[in-house]
Amino acid sequence: MKGYELYSWQKDGAWHYTLITGTNRQKLLEEITSEGDILSGDGLVKLRSDGTDELKAALGRLPEGEQVFWVGPAWGGPPEGEVVFGFPPGEIVDEIREHCKAEGVELFVMGE
């Protein structure tokens, strides 16, 4: 997979997101959900966003034509009681989809 992977989960009533460089390996839970951003010289990018506005700002930093694959609940998943990945309500998904379109970023919502 090329491009970026996008993960989303809800915690304490708020949506959280991580945008991370796409690879051909499954990411670790801690790698996805840990606080902070990573911009490394070897090409790894991880941008953690707390809320939809922060996610839109992160997506706006991507080059035009970039691809983002939004990974949903089908991800291998953690044990019960930990973070559960999923998609926010449809109106938020549509808002993010429209933002990507305006930024020239291709968004693929996995499972649609």
N, C-alpha and C. Protein backbone atom coordinates (compact mmCIF):
# COMPACT_ATOMS: atom_id res chain seq x y z
N MET A 1 0.85 -1.17 0.00
CA MET A 1 0.00 0.00 0.00
C MET A 1 0.90 1.24 0.00
N LYS A 2 0.52 2.21 -0.76
CA LYS A 2 1.24 3.47 -0.71
C LYS A 2 0.32 4.52 -0.11
N GLY A 3 0.76 5.72 -0.07
CA GLY A 3 -0.06 6.78 0.49
C GLY A 3 -0.04 6.74 2.00
N TYR A 4 -1.20 7.03 2.59
CA TYR A 4 -1.34 7.11 4.04
C TYR A 4 -2.50 6.27 4.51
N GLU A 5 -2.42 5.82 5.75
CA GLU A 5 -3.52 5.13 6.40
C GLU A 5 -4.12 6.09 7.42
N LEU A 6 -5.43 6.09 7.54
CA LEU A 6 -6.13 6.91 8.51
C LEU A 6 -6.91 5.99 9.44
N TYR A 7 -6.71 6.17 10.74
CA TYR A 7 -7.41 5.40 11.77
C TYR A 7 -8.24 6.36 12.61
N SER A 8 -9.40 5.91 13.05
CA SER A 8 -10.26 6.75 13.89
C SER A 8 -10.88 5.91 14.99
N TRP A 9 -11.05 6.54 16.14
CA TRP A 9 -11.66 5.89 17.28
C TRP A 9 -12.29 6.95 18.18
N GLN A 10 -13.26 6.51 18.95
CA GLN A 10 -13.96 7.42 19.86
C GLN A 10 -13.54 7.10 21.28
N LYS A 11 -13.25 8.17 22.03
CA LYS A 11 -12.89 8.01 23.44
C LYS A 11 -13.45 9.20 24.20
N ASP A 12 -14.14 8.92 25.27
CA ASP A 12 -14.74 9.96 26.12
C ASP A 12 -15.62 10.92 25.30
N GLY A 13 -16.35 10.36 24.34
CA GLY A 13 -17.29 11.15 23.55
C GLY A 13 -16.69 11.96 22.43
N ALA A 14 -15.36 11.88 22.24
CA ALA A 14 -14.71 12.65 21.17
C ALA A 14 -14.03 11.71 20.18
N TRP A 15 -13.93 12.16 18.93
CA TRP A 15 -13.27 11.37 17.90
C TRP A 15 -11.80 11.76 17.81
N HIS A 16 -10.97 10.72 17.69
CA HIS A 16 -9.53 10.88 17.57
C HIS A 16 -9.08 10.19 16.29
N TYR A 17 -8.01 10.72 15.70
CA TYR A 17 -7.55 10.23 14.41
C TYR A 17 -6.03 10.14 14.38
N THR A 18 -5.52 9.19 13.62
CA THR A 18 -4.10 9.14 13.31
C THR A 18 -3.95 8.92 11.82
N LEU A 19 -3.14 9.78 11.21
CA LEU A 19 -2.77 9.69 9.81
C LEU A 19 -1.32 9.23 9.81
N ILE A 20 -1.05 8.09 9.18
CA ILE A 20 0.30 7.50 9.24
C ILE A 20 0.69 6.98 7.86
N THR A 21 1.98 7.06 7.57
CA THR A 21 2.49 6.58 6.30
C THR A 21 2.03 5.14 6.06
N GLY A 22 1.53 4.86 4.86
CA GLY A 22 1.09 3.52 4.51
C GLY A 22 2.26 2.59 4.31
N THR A 23 2.14 1.38 4.85
CA THR A 23 3.16 0.35 4.69
C THR A 23 2.45 -0.98 4.44
N ASN A 24 3.22 -2.01 4.20
CA ASN A 24 2.64 -3.33 3.98
C ASN A 24 2.64 -4.17 5.26
N ARG A 25 2.65 -3.50 6.40
CA ARG A 25 2.61 -4.24 7.66
C ARG A 25 1.50 -3.68 8.54
N GLN A 26 0.99 -4.53 9.41
CA GLN A 26 -0.05 -4.09 10.34
C GLN A 26 0.61 -3.26 11.44
N LYS A 27 0.02 -2.13 11.74
CA LYS A 27 0.54 -1.24 12.76
C LYS A 27 0.18 -1.76 14.16
N LEU A 28 1.01 -1.42 15.12
CA LEU A 28 0.73 -1.76 16.51
C LEU A 28 -0.25 -0.74 17.08
N LEU A 29 -1.06 -1.19 18.03
CA LEU A 29 -2.03 -0.31 18.66
C LEU A 29 -1.35 0.93 19.24
N GLU A 30 -0.27 0.74 19.96
CA GLU A 30 0.45 1.86 20.59
C GLU A 30 0.98 2.82 19.53
N GLU A 31 1.42 2.28 18.42
CA GLU A 31 1.95 3.11 17.32
C GLU A 31 0.85 4.04 16.78
N ILE A 32 -0.35 3.55 16.69
CA ILE A 32 -1.46 4.32 16.14
C ILE A 32 -2.01 5.32 17.15
N THR A 33 -2.18 4.89 18.38
CA THR A 33 -2.93 5.70 19.34
C THR A 33 -2.06 6.60 20.22
N SER A 34 -0.74 6.46 20.16
CA SER A 34 0.12 7.27 21.03
C SER A 34 0.01 8.75 20.68
N GLU A 35 0.19 9.57 21.70
CA GLU A 35 0.14 11.02 21.54
C GLU A 35 1.34 11.48 20.72
N GLY A 36 1.22 12.64 20.11
CA GLY A 36 2.33 13.27 19.43
C GLY A 36 2.43 12.90 17.96
N ASP A 37 3.25 13.67 17.28
CA ASP A 37 3.48 13.50 15.85
C ASP A 37 4.90 13.02 15.61
N ILE A 38 5.10 12.35 14.48
CA ILE A 38 6.43 11.91 14.07
C ILE A 38 6.63 12.36 12.63
N LEU A 39 7.70 13.05 12.38
CA LEU A 39 8.12 13.42 11.03
C LEU A 39 9.58 13.03 10.93
N SER A 40 9.86 11.83 10.42
CA SER A 40 11.23 11.34 10.42
C SER A 40 11.87 11.49 9.05
N GLY A 41 13.18 11.48 9.05
CA GLY A 41 13.94 11.61 7.81
C GLY A 41 13.81 10.41 6.89
N ASP A 42 13.38 9.27 7.42
CA ASP A 42 13.24 8.09 6.56
C ASP A 42 11.86 7.98 5.92
N GLY A 43 11.07 9.03 6.01
CA GLY A 43 9.78 9.06 5.33
C GLY A 43 8.59 8.72 6.19
N LEU A 44 8.80 8.30 7.43
CA LEU A 44 7.66 7.98 8.29
C LEU A 44 7.00 9.27 8.78
N VAL A 45 5.71 9.32 8.58
CA VAL A 45 4.92 10.44 9.06
C VAL A 45 3.78 9.88 9.89
N LYS A 46 3.60 10.43 11.08
CA LYS A 46 2.45 10.07 11.93
C LYS A 46 1.92 11.36 12.50
N LEU A 47 0.69 11.67 12.18
CA LEU A 47 0.04 12.88 12.69
C LEU A 47 -1.17 12.46 13.50
N ARG A 48 -1.16 12.75 14.79
CA ARG A 48 -2.27 12.41 15.69
C ARG A 48 -3.17 13.63 15.82
N SER A 49 -4.46 13.45 15.63
CA SER A 49 -5.42 14.55 15.69
C SER A 49 -6.51 14.24 16.70
N ASP A 50 -6.76 15.20 17.57
CA ASP A 50 -7.86 15.08 18.52
C ASP A 50 -8.97 15.99 18.03
N GLY A 51 -9.89 15.40 17.29
CA GLY A 51 -11.00 16.16 16.73
C GLY A 51 -10.89 16.32 15.23
N THR A 52 -12.03 16.56 14.64
CA THR A 52 -12.14 16.63 13.18
C THR A 52 -11.41 17.83 12.60
N ASP A 53 -11.43 18.97 13.29
CA ASP A 53 -10.73 20.14 12.77
C ASP A 53 -9.24 19.91 12.69
N GLU A 54 -8.66 19.25 13.71
CA GLU A 54 -7.23 18.94 13.67
C GLU A 54 -6.93 17.96 12.54
N LEU A 55 -7.82 17.00 12.31
CA LEU A 55 -7.63 16.05 11.21
C LEU A 55 -7.63 16.78 9.88
N LYS A 56 -8.56 17.68 9.69
CA LYS A 56 -8.63 18.42 8.43
C LYS A 56 -7.36 19.24 8.22
N ALA A 57 -6.81 19.81 9.28
CA ALA A 57 -5.55 20.55 9.16
C ALA A 57 -4.42 19.61 8.74
N ALA A 58 -4.38 18.40 9.31
CA ALA A 58 -3.34 17.43 8.94
C ALA A 58 -3.50 17.00 7.48
N LEU A 59 -4.72 16.75 7.06
CA LEU A 59 -4.97 16.36 5.66
C LEU A 59 -4.58 17.48 4.71
N GLY A 60 -4.73 18.72 5.15
CA GLY A 60 -4.37 19.86 4.33
C GLY A 60 -2.87 19.99 4.12
N ARG A 61 -2.07 19.29 4.91
CA ARG A 61 -0.62 19.31 4.77
C ARG A 61 -0.12 18.33 3.72
N LEU A 62 -1.00 17.43 3.25
CA LEU A 62 -0.59 16.42 2.27
C LEU A 62 -0.50 17.03 0.88
N PRO A 63 0.40 16.50 0.05
CA PRO A 63 0.50 16.99 -1.32
C PRO A 63 -0.76 16.63 -2.13
N GLU A 64 -1.10 17.47 -3.06
CA GLU A 64 -2.24 17.20 -3.94
C GLU A 64 -2.00 15.88 -4.67
N GLY A 65 -3.05 15.09 -4.80
CA GLY A 65 -2.96 13.81 -5.48
C GLY A 65 -2.61 12.65 -4.57
N GLU A 66 -2.30 12.93 -3.31
CA GLU A 66 -1.95 11.87 -2.36
C GLU A 66 -3.17 11.01 -2.08
N GLN A 67 -2.94 9.74 -1.72
CA GLN A 67 -4.02 8.82 -1.41
C GLN A 67 -4.04 8.52 0.09
N VAL A 68 -5.26 8.49 0.64
CA VAL A 68 -5.46 8.17 2.06
C VAL A 68 -6.47 7.02 2.13
N PHE A 69 -6.10 5.97 2.85
CA PHE A 69 -6.95 4.80 3.03
C PHE A 69 -7.44 4.78 4.48
N TRP A 70 -8.74 5.03 4.65
CA TRP A 70 -9.33 5.11 5.99
C TRP A 70 -9.70 3.72 6.44
N VAL A 71 -8.96 3.21 7.41
CA VAL A 71 -9.13 1.85 7.90
C VAL A 71 -10.18 1.85 9.01
N GLY A 72 -11.16 1.00 8.88
CA GLY A 72 -12.25 0.98 9.85
C GLY A 72 -12.18 -0.18 10.81
N PRO A 73 -13.32 -0.64 11.25
CA PRO A 73 -13.39 -1.68 12.28
C PRO A 73 -12.84 -3.03 11.83
N ALA A 74 -12.59 -3.23 10.55
CA ALA A 74 -12.10 -4.51 10.07
C ALA A 74 -10.63 -4.74 10.46
N TRP A 75 -9.96 -3.67 10.96
CA TRP A 75 -8.57 -3.82 11.39
C TRP A 75 -8.50 -4.91 12.43
N GLY A 76 -7.40 -5.63 12.49
CA GLY A 76 -7.23 -6.78 13.37
C GLY A 76 -7.69 -6.58 14.80
N GLY A 77 -7.81 -5.36 15.22
CA GLY A 77 -8.43 -5.03 16.49
C GLY A 77 -7.72 -5.46 17.75
N PRO A 78 -7.81 -4.65 18.78
CA PRO A 78 -7.22 -4.96 20.07
C PRO A 78 -8.16 -5.80 20.93
N PRO A 79 -7.67 -6.28 22.06
CA PRO A 79 -8.56 -7.02 22.97
C PRO A 79 -9.70 -6.12 23.45
N GLU A 80 -10.76 -6.75 23.87
CA GLU A 80 -11.92 -6.00 24.36
C GLU A 80 -11.51 -5.07 25.50
N GLY A 81 -12.15 -3.92 25.54
CA GLY A 81 -11.88 -2.97 26.61
C GLY A 81 -10.84 -1.93 26.25
N GLU A 82 -10.16 -2.12 25.14
CA GLU A 82 -9.18 -1.14 24.68
C GLU A 82 -9.81 -0.34 23.55
N VAL A 83 -8.99 0.38 22.83
CA VAL A 83 -9.46 1.19 21.70
C VAL A 83 -10.13 0.32 20.65
N VAL A 84 -11.27 0.76 20.16
CA VAL A 84 -11.95 0.07 19.07
C VAL A 84 -12.04 1.05 17.91
N PHE A 85 -11.43 0.69 16.80
CA PHE A 85 -11.45 1.55 15.63
C PHE A 85 -12.80 1.47 14.94
N GLY A 86 -13.20 2.59 14.38
CA GLY A 86 -14.46 2.67 13.66
C GLY A 86 -14.55 4.00 12.95
N PHE A 87 -15.69 4.24 12.35
CA PHE A 87 -15.91 5.48 11.63
C PHE A 87 -16.86 6.37 12.43
N PRO A 88 -16.63 7.67 12.39
CA PRO A 88 -17.57 8.59 13.04
C PRO A 88 -18.90 8.59 12.28
N PRO A 89 -19.89 9.30 12.79
CA PRO A 89 -21.18 9.37 12.09
C PRO A 89 -21.02 9.84 10.64
N GLY A 90 -21.98 9.44 9.82
CA GLY A 90 -21.94 9.73 8.39
C GLY A 90 -21.69 11.18 8.03
N GLU A 91 -22.26 12.12 8.79
CA GLU A 91 -22.07 13.53 8.44
C GLU A 91 -20.61 13.96 8.64
N ILE A 92 -19.93 13.35 9.61
CA ILE A 92 -18.50 13.67 9.81
C ILE A 92 -17.67 13.04 8.70
N VAL A 93 -17.98 11.80 8.34
CA VAL A 93 -17.28 11.14 7.23
C VAL A 93 -17.45 11.98 5.96
N ASP A 94 -18.67 12.44 5.70
CA ASP A 94 -18.93 13.26 4.51
C ASP A 94 -18.15 14.58 4.57
N GLU A 95 -18.07 15.19 5.74
CA GLU A 95 -17.33 16.43 5.91
C GLU A 95 -15.84 16.23 5.60
N ILE A 96 -15.28 15.12 6.08
CA ILE A 96 -13.87 14.81 5.81
C ILE A 96 -13.68 14.47 4.34
N ARG A 97 -14.62 13.74 3.77
CA ARG A 97 -14.55 13.41 2.35
C ARG A 97 -14.53 14.68 1.50
N GLU A 98 -15.41 15.62 1.81
CA GLU A 98 -15.46 16.88 1.06
C GLU A 98 -14.19 17.71 1.25
N HIS A 99 -13.65 17.68 2.44
CA HIS A 99 -12.41 18.41 2.70
C HIS A 99 -11.27 17.83 1.86
N CYS A 100 -11.17 16.51 1.82
CA CYS A 100 -10.14 15.86 1.01
C CYS A 100 -10.29 16.23 -0.46
N LYS A 101 -11.51 16.21 -0.93
CA LYS A 101 -11.77 16.56 -2.33
C LYS A 101 -11.30 17.99 -2.61
N ALA A 102 -11.60 18.91 -1.72
CA ALA A 102 -11.20 20.30 -1.90
C ALA A 102 -9.68 20.46 -1.86
N GLU A 103 -9.00 19.60 -1.11
CA GLU A 103 -7.54 19.65 -0.99
C GLU A 103 -6.83 18.87 -2.09
N GLY A 104 -7.61 18.15 -2.91
CA GLY A 104 -7.01 17.35 -3.97
C GLY A 104 -6.41 16.04 -3.48
N VAL A 105 -6.91 15.55 -2.34
CA VAL A 105 -6.46 14.29 -1.75
C VAL A 105 -7.51 13.23 -2.00
N GLU A 106 -7.05 12.05 -2.46
CA GLU A 106 -7.97 10.93 -2.73
C GLU A 106 -8.21 10.17 -1.44
N LEU A 107 -9.47 10.11 -1.00
CA LEU A 107 -9.83 9.39 0.23
C LEU A 107 -10.58 8.12 -0.14
N PHE A 108 -10.10 7.00 0.37
CA PHE A 108 -10.76 5.72 0.18
C PHE A 108 -11.20 5.23 1.55
N VAL A 109 -12.50 5.13 1.75
CA VAL A 109 -13.03 4.64 3.03
C VAL A 109 -13.20 3.15 2.88
N MET A 110 -12.34 2.39 3.58
CA MET A 110 -12.31 0.95 3.43
C MET A 110 -13.61 0.33 3.94
N GLY A 111 -14.15 -0.57 3.17
CA GLY A 111 -15.40 -1.21 3.53
C GLY A 111 -16.61 -0.58 2.90
N GLU A 112 -16.43 0.51 2.16
CA GLU A 112 -17.56 1.14 1.48
C GLU A 112 -17.73 0.55 0.10
